[in-house]
N, C-alpha and C. Protein backbone atom coordinates (compact mmCIF):
# COMPACT_ATOMS: atom_id res chain seq x y z
N UNK A 1 -6.09 -17.72 -33.69
CA UNK A 1 -5.35 -17.22 -32.56
C UNK A 1 -4.32 -16.21 -33.05
N UNK A 2 -4.22 -15.08 -32.38
CA UNK A 2 -3.33 -14.01 -32.81
C UNK A 2 -1.90 -14.33 -32.42
N UNK A 3 -1.00 -13.78 -33.18
CA UNK A 3 0.42 -13.96 -32.90
C UNK A 3 0.79 -13.11 -31.69
N UNK A 4 1.39 -13.73 -30.68
CA UNK A 4 1.70 -13.00 -29.45
C UNK A 4 2.81 -11.99 -29.65
N UNK A 5 3.67 -12.18 -30.66
CA UNK A 5 4.75 -11.23 -30.86
C UNK A 5 4.21 -9.89 -31.36
N UNK A 6 3.01 -9.87 -31.92
CA UNK A 6 2.44 -8.61 -32.37
C UNK A 6 2.04 -7.74 -31.20
N UNK A 7 1.74 -8.36 -30.06
CA UNK A 7 1.30 -7.59 -28.90
C UNK A 7 2.48 -7.11 -28.06
N UNK A 8 3.51 -7.90 -27.92
CA UNK A 8 4.59 -7.47 -27.05
C UNK A 8 5.74 -6.84 -27.80
N UNK A 9 5.73 -6.92 -29.11
CA UNK A 9 6.82 -6.32 -29.88
C UNK A 9 7.96 -7.31 -29.99
N UNK A 10 8.31 -7.69 -31.17
CA UNK A 10 9.37 -8.66 -31.37
C UNK A 10 10.70 -7.98 -31.14
N UNK A 11 11.53 -8.59 -30.33
CA UNK A 11 12.80 -7.97 -29.97
C UNK A 11 13.83 -8.09 -31.08
N UNK A 12 13.58 -8.95 -32.06
CA UNK A 12 14.57 -9.11 -33.11
C UNK A 12 14.52 -7.98 -34.12
N UNK A 13 13.40 -7.23 -34.19
CA UNK A 13 13.32 -6.15 -35.16
C UNK A 13 13.87 -4.83 -34.62
N UNK A 14 14.35 -4.82 -33.40
CA UNK A 14 14.92 -3.60 -32.83
C UNK A 14 16.37 -3.48 -33.29
N UNK A 15 16.78 -2.30 -33.72
CA UNK A 15 18.15 -2.14 -34.20
C UNK A 15 19.15 -2.22 -33.05
N UNK A 16 20.33 -2.69 -33.38
CA UNK A 16 21.43 -2.72 -32.42
C UNK A 16 22.60 -2.01 -33.05
N UNK A 17 23.37 -1.32 -32.20
CA UNK A 17 24.57 -0.70 -32.74
C UNK A 17 25.75 -1.67 -32.59
N UNK A 18 26.92 -1.21 -32.92
CA UNK A 18 28.09 -2.09 -32.93
C UNK A 18 28.50 -2.57 -31.54
N UNK A 19 28.10 -1.84 -30.49
CA UNK A 19 28.48 -2.26 -29.13
C UNK A 19 27.49 -3.26 -28.54
N UNK A 20 26.43 -3.62 -29.26
CA UNK A 20 25.47 -4.61 -28.78
C UNK A 20 24.33 -4.02 -27.98
N UNK A 21 24.25 -2.70 -27.89
CA UNK A 21 23.15 -2.07 -27.17
C UNK A 21 21.87 -2.17 -27.99
N UNK A 22 20.75 -2.41 -27.32
CA UNK A 22 19.47 -2.42 -28.01
C UNK A 22 18.96 -0.99 -28.09
N UNK A 23 18.48 -0.60 -29.26
CA UNK A 23 17.97 0.75 -29.46
C UNK A 23 16.47 0.67 -29.71
N UNK A 24 15.75 1.68 -29.23
CA UNK A 24 14.30 1.69 -29.34
C UNK A 24 13.85 3.03 -29.90
N UNK A 25 13.02 2.99 -30.92
CA UNK A 25 12.44 4.17 -31.51
C UNK A 25 10.93 4.13 -31.23
N UNK A 26 10.42 5.00 -30.37
CA UNK A 26 8.99 4.94 -30.03
C UNK A 26 8.07 5.34 -31.19
N UNK A 27 8.61 5.95 -32.24
CA UNK A 27 7.79 6.43 -33.34
C UNK A 27 7.90 5.55 -34.58
N UNK A 28 8.48 4.36 -34.47
CA UNK A 28 8.73 3.54 -35.65
C UNK A 28 7.45 3.10 -36.36
N UNK A 29 6.36 2.90 -35.65
CA UNK A 29 5.12 2.45 -36.27
C UNK A 29 4.26 3.60 -36.79
N UNK A 30 4.63 4.83 -36.50
CA UNK A 30 3.80 5.97 -36.88
C UNK A 30 4.25 6.63 -38.18
N UNK A 31 5.31 6.15 -38.78
CA UNK A 31 5.87 6.72 -40.02
C UNK A 31 6.14 8.21 -39.88
N UNK A 32 6.71 8.59 -38.77
CA UNK A 32 7.08 9.98 -38.53
C UNK A 32 8.56 10.11 -38.83
N UNK A 33 8.95 11.15 -39.58
CA UNK A 33 10.37 11.26 -39.94
C UNK A 33 11.28 11.56 -38.73
N UNK A 34 10.69 12.11 -37.66
CA UNK A 34 11.50 12.40 -36.47
C UNK A 34 11.92 11.08 -35.84
N UNK A 35 13.21 10.90 -35.65
CA UNK A 35 13.73 9.63 -35.16
C UNK A 35 14.54 9.86 -33.90
N UNK A 36 14.07 9.32 -32.81
CA UNK A 36 14.81 9.35 -31.56
C UNK A 36 15.02 7.91 -31.13
N UNK A 37 16.25 7.56 -30.86
CA UNK A 37 16.56 6.21 -30.42
C UNK A 37 16.92 6.26 -28.94
N UNK A 38 16.34 5.34 -28.19
CA UNK A 38 16.63 5.22 -26.77
C UNK A 38 17.33 3.89 -26.54
N UNK A 39 18.25 3.90 -25.62
CA UNK A 39 18.94 2.67 -25.28
C UNK A 39 18.10 1.87 -24.29
N UNK A 40 17.94 0.60 -24.57
CA UNK A 40 17.23 -0.31 -23.68
C UNK A 40 18.29 -1.19 -23.03
N UNK A 41 18.28 -1.34 -21.72
CA UNK A 41 19.32 -2.13 -21.07
C UNK A 41 19.27 -3.59 -21.53
N UNK A 42 20.44 -4.17 -21.66
CA UNK A 42 20.53 -5.57 -22.04
C UNK A 42 20.80 -6.47 -20.84
N UNK A 43 21.16 -5.87 -19.73
CA UNK A 43 21.44 -6.66 -18.54
C UNK A 43 20.13 -7.05 -17.86
N UNK A 44 20.13 -8.13 -17.10
CA UNK A 44 18.89 -8.52 -16.40
C UNK A 44 18.55 -7.52 -15.30
N UNK A 45 17.28 -7.45 -14.96
CA UNK A 45 16.86 -6.52 -13.93
C UNK A 45 17.37 -6.95 -12.56
N UNK A 46 17.46 -8.24 -12.32
CA UNK A 46 17.96 -8.76 -11.06
C UNK A 46 19.25 -9.51 -11.33
N UNK A 47 20.20 -9.37 -10.43
CA UNK A 47 21.48 -10.03 -10.60
C UNK A 47 21.37 -11.52 -10.33
N UNK A 48 20.59 -11.89 -9.31
CA UNK A 48 20.43 -13.30 -8.95
C UNK A 48 18.97 -13.71 -9.12
N UNK A 49 18.75 -14.95 -9.43
CA UNK A 49 17.41 -15.47 -9.64
C UNK A 49 16.56 -15.36 -8.37
N UNK A 50 17.17 -15.52 -7.20
CA UNK A 50 16.44 -15.45 -5.94
C UNK A 50 15.81 -14.08 -5.73
N UNK A 51 16.49 -13.03 -6.21
CA UNK A 51 15.96 -11.68 -6.06
C UNK A 51 14.68 -11.50 -6.88
N UNK A 52 14.61 -12.13 -8.02
CA UNK A 52 13.42 -11.98 -8.85
C UNK A 52 12.23 -12.75 -8.28
N UNK A 53 12.49 -13.78 -7.48
CA UNK A 53 11.40 -14.56 -6.88
C UNK A 53 10.77 -13.86 -5.69
N UNK A 54 11.56 -13.07 -4.96
CA UNK A 54 11.05 -12.36 -3.78
C UNK A 54 10.29 -11.12 -4.24
N UNK A 55 8.99 -11.14 -4.07
CA UNK A 55 8.18 -10.00 -4.46
C UNK A 55 7.88 -9.19 -3.22
N UNK A 56 8.77 -8.29 -2.89
CA UNK A 56 8.65 -7.49 -1.67
C UNK A 56 8.98 -6.05 -1.99
N UNK A 57 8.23 -5.15 -1.39
CA UNK A 57 8.52 -3.73 -1.54
C UNK A 57 9.72 -3.37 -0.67
N UNK A 58 10.42 -2.32 -1.05
CA UNK A 58 11.53 -1.84 -0.23
C UNK A 58 10.95 -1.22 1.05
N UNK A 59 11.82 -0.93 2.02
CA UNK A 59 11.31 -0.41 3.28
C UNK A 59 10.68 0.97 3.09
N UNK A 60 11.22 1.77 2.18
CA UNK A 60 10.64 3.09 1.92
C UNK A 60 9.27 3.00 1.26
N UNK A 61 9.15 2.09 0.30
CA UNK A 61 7.86 1.89 -0.35
C UNK A 61 6.85 1.32 0.65
N UNK A 62 7.32 0.41 1.50
CA UNK A 62 6.46 -0.18 2.52
C UNK A 62 5.96 0.90 3.48
N UNK A 63 6.85 1.77 3.89
CA UNK A 63 6.50 2.86 4.81
C UNK A 63 5.46 3.79 4.19
N UNK A 64 5.70 4.18 2.96
CA UNK A 64 4.78 5.07 2.27
C UNK A 64 3.43 4.40 2.03
N UNK A 65 3.46 3.14 1.63
CA UNK A 65 2.23 2.42 1.32
C UNK A 65 1.34 2.28 2.55
N UNK A 66 1.88 1.75 3.63
CA UNK A 66 1.05 1.51 4.82
C UNK A 66 0.58 2.82 5.46
N UNK A 67 1.43 3.83 5.45
CA UNK A 67 1.01 5.11 6.02
C UNK A 67 -0.09 5.74 5.18
N UNK A 68 0.08 5.73 3.87
CA UNK A 68 -0.93 6.32 2.99
C UNK A 68 -2.25 5.58 3.02
N UNK A 69 -2.18 4.25 2.95
CA UNK A 69 -3.41 3.45 3.01
C UNK A 69 -4.11 3.65 4.35
N UNK A 70 -3.32 3.68 5.42
CA UNK A 70 -3.91 3.90 6.74
C UNK A 70 -4.59 5.25 6.85
N UNK A 71 -3.92 6.29 6.35
CA UNK A 71 -4.51 7.63 6.44
C UNK A 71 -5.78 7.72 5.61
N UNK A 72 -5.75 7.19 4.38
CA UNK A 72 -6.93 7.26 3.53
C UNK A 72 -8.09 6.45 4.10
N UNK A 73 -7.81 5.25 4.57
CA UNK A 73 -8.87 4.42 5.14
C UNK A 73 -9.44 5.06 6.41
N UNK A 74 -8.56 5.58 7.26
CA UNK A 74 -9.01 6.24 8.48
C UNK A 74 -9.80 7.50 8.20
N UNK A 75 -9.38 8.25 7.20
CA UNK A 75 -10.11 9.47 6.85
C UNK A 75 -11.50 9.14 6.31
N UNK A 76 -11.59 8.10 5.49
CA UNK A 76 -12.89 7.70 4.98
C UNK A 76 -13.81 7.20 6.08
N UNK A 77 -13.26 6.39 6.98
CA UNK A 77 -14.07 5.88 8.09
C UNK A 77 -14.47 7.03 9.01
N UNK A 78 -13.56 7.94 9.29
CA UNK A 78 -13.88 9.08 10.15
C UNK A 78 -14.91 10.00 9.53
N UNK A 79 -14.83 10.19 8.22
CA UNK A 79 -15.81 11.03 7.55
C UNK A 79 -17.20 10.40 7.60
N UNK A 80 -17.26 9.07 7.46
CA UNK A 80 -18.57 8.43 7.55
C UNK A 80 -19.13 8.48 8.97
N UNK A 81 -18.25 8.37 9.97
CA UNK A 81 -18.70 8.51 11.36
C UNK A 81 -19.17 9.95 11.61
N UNK A 82 -18.44 10.91 11.08
CA UNK A 82 -18.84 12.31 11.22
C UNK A 82 -20.15 12.60 10.52
N UNK A 83 -20.37 11.99 9.36
CA UNK A 83 -21.63 12.17 8.64
C UNK A 83 -22.79 11.63 9.46
N UNK A 84 -22.62 10.47 10.02
CA UNK A 84 -23.67 9.86 10.85
C UNK A 84 -23.97 10.75 12.06
N UNK A 85 -22.90 11.24 12.71
CA UNK A 85 -23.08 12.08 13.89
C UNK A 85 -23.79 13.38 13.53
N UNK A 86 -23.43 13.97 12.37
CA UNK A 86 -24.05 15.24 11.96
C UNK A 86 -25.52 15.04 11.60
N UNK A 87 -25.83 13.94 10.94
CA UNK A 87 -27.23 13.69 10.56
C UNK A 87 -28.09 13.43 11.79
N UNK A 88 -27.55 12.69 12.77
CA UNK A 88 -28.33 12.41 13.98
C UNK A 88 -28.51 13.64 14.87
N UNK A 89 -27.58 14.60 14.77
CA UNK A 89 -27.69 15.78 15.63
C UNK A 89 -28.43 16.94 14.96
N UNK A 90 -29.04 16.69 13.81
CA UNK A 90 -29.79 17.75 13.13
C UNK A 90 -31.02 18.13 13.94
N UNK A 91 -31.29 19.42 13.97
CA UNK A 91 -32.44 19.93 14.70
C UNK A 91 -33.52 20.33 13.71
N UNK A 92 -34.79 20.28 14.13
CA UNK A 92 -35.89 20.54 13.19
C UNK A 92 -35.88 21.94 12.57
N UNK A 93 -35.39 22.94 13.24
CA UNK A 93 -35.45 24.32 12.72
C UNK A 93 -34.24 24.73 11.91
N UNK A 94 -33.31 23.83 11.65
CA UNK A 94 -32.08 24.18 10.92
C UNK A 94 -32.37 24.44 9.44
N UNK A 95 -31.66 25.43 8.90
CA UNK A 95 -31.75 25.67 7.46
C UNK A 95 -30.83 24.70 6.73
N UNK A 96 -30.94 24.67 5.41
CA UNK A 96 -30.12 23.76 4.62
C UNK A 96 -28.63 24.12 4.76
N UNK A 97 -28.33 25.42 4.79
CA UNK A 97 -26.94 25.85 4.94
C UNK A 97 -26.34 25.39 6.26
N UNK A 98 -27.11 25.48 7.33
CA UNK A 98 -26.63 25.06 8.65
C UNK A 98 -26.38 23.56 8.65
N UNK A 99 -27.27 22.80 8.05
CA UNK A 99 -27.10 21.33 8.02
C UNK A 99 -25.87 20.94 7.22
N UNK A 100 -25.68 21.57 6.07
CA UNK A 100 -24.50 21.27 5.25
C UNK A 100 -23.22 21.65 6.00
N UNK A 101 -23.24 22.80 6.67
CA UNK A 101 -22.09 23.23 7.45
C UNK A 101 -21.78 22.25 8.57
N UNK A 102 -22.82 21.78 9.25
CA UNK A 102 -22.63 20.81 10.32
C UNK A 102 -22.03 19.50 9.78
N UNK A 103 -22.54 19.05 8.64
CA UNK A 103 -22.03 17.81 8.04
C UNK A 103 -20.56 17.97 7.63
N UNK A 104 -20.23 19.08 6.97
CA UNK A 104 -18.85 19.29 6.53
C UNK A 104 -17.89 19.41 7.71
N UNK A 105 -18.29 20.15 8.72
CA UNK A 105 -17.43 20.31 9.90
C UNK A 105 -17.23 18.98 10.62
N UNK A 106 -18.29 18.23 10.78
CA UNK A 106 -18.21 16.97 11.50
C UNK A 106 -17.40 15.93 10.72
N UNK A 107 -17.64 15.86 9.41
CA UNK A 107 -16.86 14.92 8.58
C UNK A 107 -15.39 15.28 8.57
N UNK A 108 -15.08 16.54 8.44
CA UNK A 108 -13.68 16.97 8.43
C UNK A 108 -12.98 16.73 9.76
N UNK A 109 -13.67 17.02 10.84
CA UNK A 109 -13.06 16.85 12.16
C UNK A 109 -12.81 15.37 12.47
N UNK A 110 -13.81 14.54 12.29
CA UNK A 110 -13.64 13.12 12.59
C UNK A 110 -12.72 12.43 11.59
N UNK A 111 -12.82 12.81 10.32
CA UNK A 111 -11.95 12.23 9.31
C UNK A 111 -10.49 12.53 9.57
N UNK A 112 -10.19 13.75 9.93
CA UNK A 112 -8.81 14.15 10.24
C UNK A 112 -8.29 13.42 11.46
N UNK A 113 -9.10 13.36 12.50
CA UNK A 113 -8.68 12.73 13.76
C UNK A 113 -8.40 11.24 13.58
N UNK A 114 -9.33 10.53 12.99
CA UNK A 114 -9.17 9.08 12.82
C UNK A 114 -8.13 8.77 11.74
N UNK A 115 -8.09 9.57 10.68
CA UNK A 115 -7.10 9.37 9.63
C UNK A 115 -5.68 9.51 10.15
N UNK A 116 -5.44 10.50 10.99
CA UNK A 116 -4.11 10.67 11.57
C UNK A 116 -3.73 9.50 12.47
N UNK A 117 -4.68 9.03 13.26
CA UNK A 117 -4.38 7.90 14.14
C UNK A 117 -4.04 6.64 13.36
N UNK A 118 -4.87 6.32 12.37
CA UNK A 118 -4.63 5.10 11.60
C UNK A 118 -3.37 5.25 10.73
N UNK A 119 -3.08 6.46 10.26
CA UNK A 119 -1.85 6.69 9.52
C UNK A 119 -0.61 6.47 10.38
N UNK A 120 -0.66 6.89 11.63
CA UNK A 120 0.46 6.66 12.55
C UNK A 120 0.60 5.17 12.84
N UNK A 121 -0.52 4.47 12.98
CA UNK A 121 -0.46 3.02 13.18
C UNK A 121 0.20 2.35 11.97
N UNK A 122 -0.16 2.77 10.77
CA UNK A 122 0.47 2.23 9.57
C UNK A 122 1.95 2.53 9.51
N UNK A 123 2.34 3.73 9.92
CA UNK A 123 3.75 4.11 9.95
C UNK A 123 4.53 3.23 10.92
N UNK A 124 3.99 3.03 12.12
CA UNK A 124 4.67 2.18 13.10
C UNK A 124 4.74 0.73 12.62
N UNK A 125 3.66 0.23 12.04
CA UNK A 125 3.65 -1.15 11.56
C UNK A 125 4.68 -1.36 10.46
N UNK A 126 4.74 -0.44 9.51
CA UNK A 126 5.70 -0.58 8.41
C UNK A 126 7.14 -0.52 8.92
N UNK A 127 7.40 0.37 9.86
CA UNK A 127 8.76 0.46 10.41
C UNK A 127 9.14 -0.80 11.17
N UNK A 128 8.22 -1.30 11.98
CA UNK A 128 8.53 -2.52 12.75
C UNK A 128 8.66 -3.74 11.84
N UNK A 129 7.81 -3.84 10.83
CA UNK A 129 7.90 -4.99 9.92
C UNK A 129 9.20 -4.96 9.13
N UNK A 130 9.59 -3.79 8.62
CA UNK A 130 10.85 -3.69 7.88
C UNK A 130 12.04 -3.95 8.80
N UNK A 131 11.95 -3.51 10.04
CA UNK A 131 13.01 -3.80 11.01
C UNK A 131 13.12 -5.29 11.31
N UNK A 132 11.98 -5.96 11.40
CA UNK A 132 12.00 -7.40 11.65
C UNK A 132 12.59 -8.16 10.45
N UNK A 133 12.25 -7.74 9.25
CA UNK A 133 12.81 -8.39 8.06
C UNK A 133 14.32 -8.21 8.03
N UNK A 134 14.79 -7.02 8.38
CA UNK A 134 16.23 -6.77 8.38
C UNK A 134 16.92 -7.53 9.51
N UNK A 135 16.29 -7.62 10.67
CA UNK A 135 16.91 -8.29 11.81
C UNK A 135 16.95 -9.81 11.62
N UNK A 136 15.88 -10.39 11.11
CA UNK A 136 15.81 -11.85 10.96
C UNK A 136 16.37 -12.33 9.62
N UNK A 137 16.53 -11.42 8.69
CA UNK A 137 17.02 -11.74 7.34
C UNK A 137 16.15 -12.78 6.65
N UNK A 138 14.88 -12.76 6.94
CA UNK A 138 13.91 -13.63 6.28
C UNK A 138 12.57 -12.90 6.22
N UNK A 139 11.77 -13.25 5.22
CA UNK A 139 10.49 -12.58 5.04
C UNK A 139 9.38 -13.62 5.14
N UNK A 140 8.73 -13.67 6.29
CA UNK A 140 7.63 -14.62 6.47
C UNK A 140 6.56 -13.99 7.35
N UNK A 141 5.56 -14.78 7.70
CA UNK A 141 4.41 -14.27 8.44
C UNK A 141 4.77 -13.88 9.87
N UNK A 142 5.84 -14.45 10.41
CA UNK A 142 6.23 -14.14 11.80
C UNK A 142 6.57 -12.66 11.93
N UNK A 143 7.29 -12.12 10.94
CA UNK A 143 7.65 -10.70 10.98
C UNK A 143 6.40 -9.82 11.07
N UNK A 144 5.40 -10.15 10.29
CA UNK A 144 4.19 -9.33 10.26
C UNK A 144 3.41 -9.43 11.56
N UNK A 145 3.31 -10.63 12.12
CA UNK A 145 2.56 -10.80 13.37
C UNK A 145 3.28 -10.09 14.52
N UNK A 146 4.60 -10.22 14.57
CA UNK A 146 5.36 -9.53 15.63
C UNK A 146 5.27 -8.02 15.45
N UNK A 147 5.27 -7.55 14.19
CA UNK A 147 5.10 -6.12 13.95
C UNK A 147 3.72 -5.65 14.39
N UNK A 148 2.68 -6.48 14.19
CA UNK A 148 1.34 -6.13 14.67
C UNK A 148 1.28 -6.07 16.18
N UNK A 149 1.93 -7.04 16.84
CA UNK A 149 2.00 -7.02 18.31
C UNK A 149 2.69 -5.74 18.81
N UNK A 150 3.84 -5.46 18.20
CA UNK A 150 4.61 -4.28 18.62
C UNK A 150 3.89 -2.98 18.34
N UNK A 151 3.20 -2.92 17.21
CA UNK A 151 2.48 -1.70 16.87
C UNK A 151 1.36 -1.42 17.86
N UNK A 152 0.58 -2.43 18.17
CA UNK A 152 -0.50 -2.24 19.14
C UNK A 152 0.04 -1.84 20.50
N UNK A 153 1.13 -2.50 20.93
CA UNK A 153 1.70 -2.18 22.23
C UNK A 153 2.28 -0.77 22.25
N UNK A 154 2.97 -0.37 21.18
CA UNK A 154 3.54 0.99 21.14
C UNK A 154 2.46 2.06 21.06
N UNK A 155 1.41 1.78 20.31
CA UNK A 155 0.38 2.79 20.13
C UNK A 155 -0.35 3.09 21.44
N UNK A 156 -0.54 2.08 22.27
CA UNK A 156 -1.25 2.28 23.53
C UNK A 156 -0.32 2.28 24.74
N UNK A 157 0.97 2.41 24.54
CA UNK A 157 1.92 2.36 25.65
C UNK A 157 1.72 3.49 26.66
N UNK A 158 1.26 4.63 26.21
CA UNK A 158 1.06 5.76 27.12
C UNK A 158 -0.10 5.53 28.08
N UNK A 159 -1.00 4.61 27.78
CA UNK A 159 -2.15 4.34 28.64
C UNK A 159 -1.85 3.32 29.72
N UNK A 160 -0.64 2.80 29.77
CA UNK A 160 -0.28 1.84 30.79
C UNK A 160 0.05 0.48 30.21
N UNK A 161 0.70 -0.37 31.03
CA UNK A 161 1.13 -1.67 30.51
C UNK A 161 -0.02 -2.61 30.18
N UNK A 162 -1.09 -2.57 30.94
CA UNK A 162 -2.21 -3.46 30.66
C UNK A 162 -2.87 -3.10 29.32
N UNK A 163 -3.10 -1.83 29.11
CA UNK A 163 -3.68 -1.37 27.85
C UNK A 163 -2.76 -1.69 26.68
N UNK A 164 -1.45 -1.54 26.88
CA UNK A 164 -0.48 -1.85 25.82
C UNK A 164 -0.49 -3.34 25.50
N UNK A 165 -0.60 -4.18 26.52
CA UNK A 165 -0.62 -5.63 26.29
C UNK A 165 -1.89 -6.04 25.53
N UNK A 166 -3.02 -5.48 25.91
CA UNK A 166 -4.27 -5.80 25.23
C UNK A 166 -4.23 -5.32 23.77
N UNK A 167 -3.75 -4.09 23.55
CA UNK A 167 -3.66 -3.56 22.19
C UNK A 167 -2.66 -4.35 21.36
N UNK A 168 -1.56 -4.79 21.97
CA UNK A 168 -0.59 -5.61 21.26
C UNK A 168 -1.18 -6.95 20.85
N UNK A 169 -1.93 -7.57 21.76
CA UNK A 169 -2.58 -8.84 21.43
C UNK A 169 -3.59 -8.66 20.31
N UNK A 170 -4.36 -7.57 20.36
CA UNK A 170 -5.33 -7.30 19.30
C UNK A 170 -4.62 -7.07 17.97
N UNK A 171 -3.52 -6.33 17.98
CA UNK A 171 -2.76 -6.08 16.75
C UNK A 171 -2.20 -7.36 16.17
N UNK A 172 -1.64 -8.22 17.01
CA UNK A 172 -1.10 -9.49 16.53
C UNK A 172 -2.18 -10.39 15.98
N UNK A 173 -3.33 -10.44 16.66
CA UNK A 173 -4.44 -11.26 16.18
C UNK A 173 -5.01 -10.74 14.86
N UNK A 174 -5.09 -9.42 14.72
CA UNK A 174 -5.59 -8.86 13.47
C UNK A 174 -4.68 -9.20 12.29
N UNK A 175 -3.37 -9.07 12.49
CA UNK A 175 -2.44 -9.39 11.42
C UNK A 175 -2.46 -10.88 11.12
N UNK A 176 -2.52 -11.71 12.16
CA UNK A 176 -2.60 -13.16 11.95
C UNK A 176 -3.86 -13.55 11.20
N UNK A 177 -4.98 -12.92 11.54
CA UNK A 177 -6.24 -13.21 10.84
C UNK A 177 -6.17 -12.74 9.39
N UNK A 178 -5.52 -11.60 9.15
CA UNK A 178 -5.38 -11.12 7.77
C UNK A 178 -4.54 -12.08 6.94
N UNK A 179 -3.46 -12.60 7.52
CA UNK A 179 -2.63 -13.56 6.79
C UNK A 179 -3.37 -14.87 6.55
N UNK A 180 -4.11 -15.33 7.53
CA UNK A 180 -4.88 -16.57 7.35
C UNK A 180 -5.94 -16.37 6.27
N UNK A 181 -6.62 -15.23 6.29
CA UNK A 181 -7.61 -14.94 5.26
C UNK A 181 -6.99 -14.85 3.88
N UNK A 182 -5.81 -14.28 3.79
CA UNK A 182 -5.12 -14.18 2.51
C UNK A 182 -4.76 -15.56 1.97
N UNK A 183 -4.32 -16.45 2.85
CA UNK A 183 -3.99 -17.81 2.42
C UNK A 183 -5.24 -18.57 1.97
N UNK A 184 -6.35 -18.38 2.67
CA UNK A 184 -7.60 -19.03 2.28
C UNK A 184 -8.04 -18.52 0.91
N UNK A 185 -7.94 -17.20 0.70
CA UNK A 185 -8.32 -16.64 -0.60
C UNK A 185 -7.43 -17.17 -1.72
N UNK A 186 -6.13 -17.28 -1.46
CA UNK A 186 -5.21 -17.80 -2.47
C UNK A 186 -5.54 -19.24 -2.83
N UNK A 187 -5.95 -20.00 -1.84
CA UNK A 187 -6.17 -21.43 -2.06
C UNK A 187 -7.53 -21.73 -2.68
N UNK A 188 -8.57 -21.04 -2.23
CA UNK A 188 -9.93 -21.43 -2.63
C UNK A 188 -10.61 -20.49 -3.62
N UNK A 189 -10.07 -19.33 -3.85
CA UNK A 189 -10.70 -18.40 -4.80
C UNK A 189 -9.84 -18.32 -6.04
N UNK A 190 -10.35 -18.83 -7.17
CA UNK A 190 -9.55 -18.76 -8.41
C UNK A 190 -9.53 -17.35 -8.96
N UNK A 191 -8.36 -16.93 -9.37
CA UNK A 191 -8.22 -15.58 -9.94
C UNK A 191 -7.75 -15.67 -11.37
């Protein structure tokens, strides 16, 4: 069995100056005469132990993550829908250039349209979820389900109250099902 200190680097071999700062030389193993020392912080990353236990992204990271994932997923789904539509609408006398042009135009149009919609849904969901965490001062599944309800209702609010209520219920059910599936995977699938 290999010594684990060889893989992570033993902290006792790092030089310290008189003030107790840890110094790091990235070239120490390469026998290069050029020596640059960097200060490594000695303080803990989190001030309180509870902060280190909570594994949560900040609201800005959450906003960027859900919006980006939504846009990419929507663009991919829209491009595949556009590809299917372009292939089904091909005519027997079309040249190869016309078919490729039709596929590219259709994929781009549908991908852009659906990607933007799903990206906006991700943006609203992330904002509502971060707002719920800040308002309730707790991070649990209720925040996510309520954010899903609110996102569906806000996204379809312009179509009327009935459509908003149905979309809100669908959003809440989708988030609830995602959380239930995540818990089942954590419990029954070894990683």
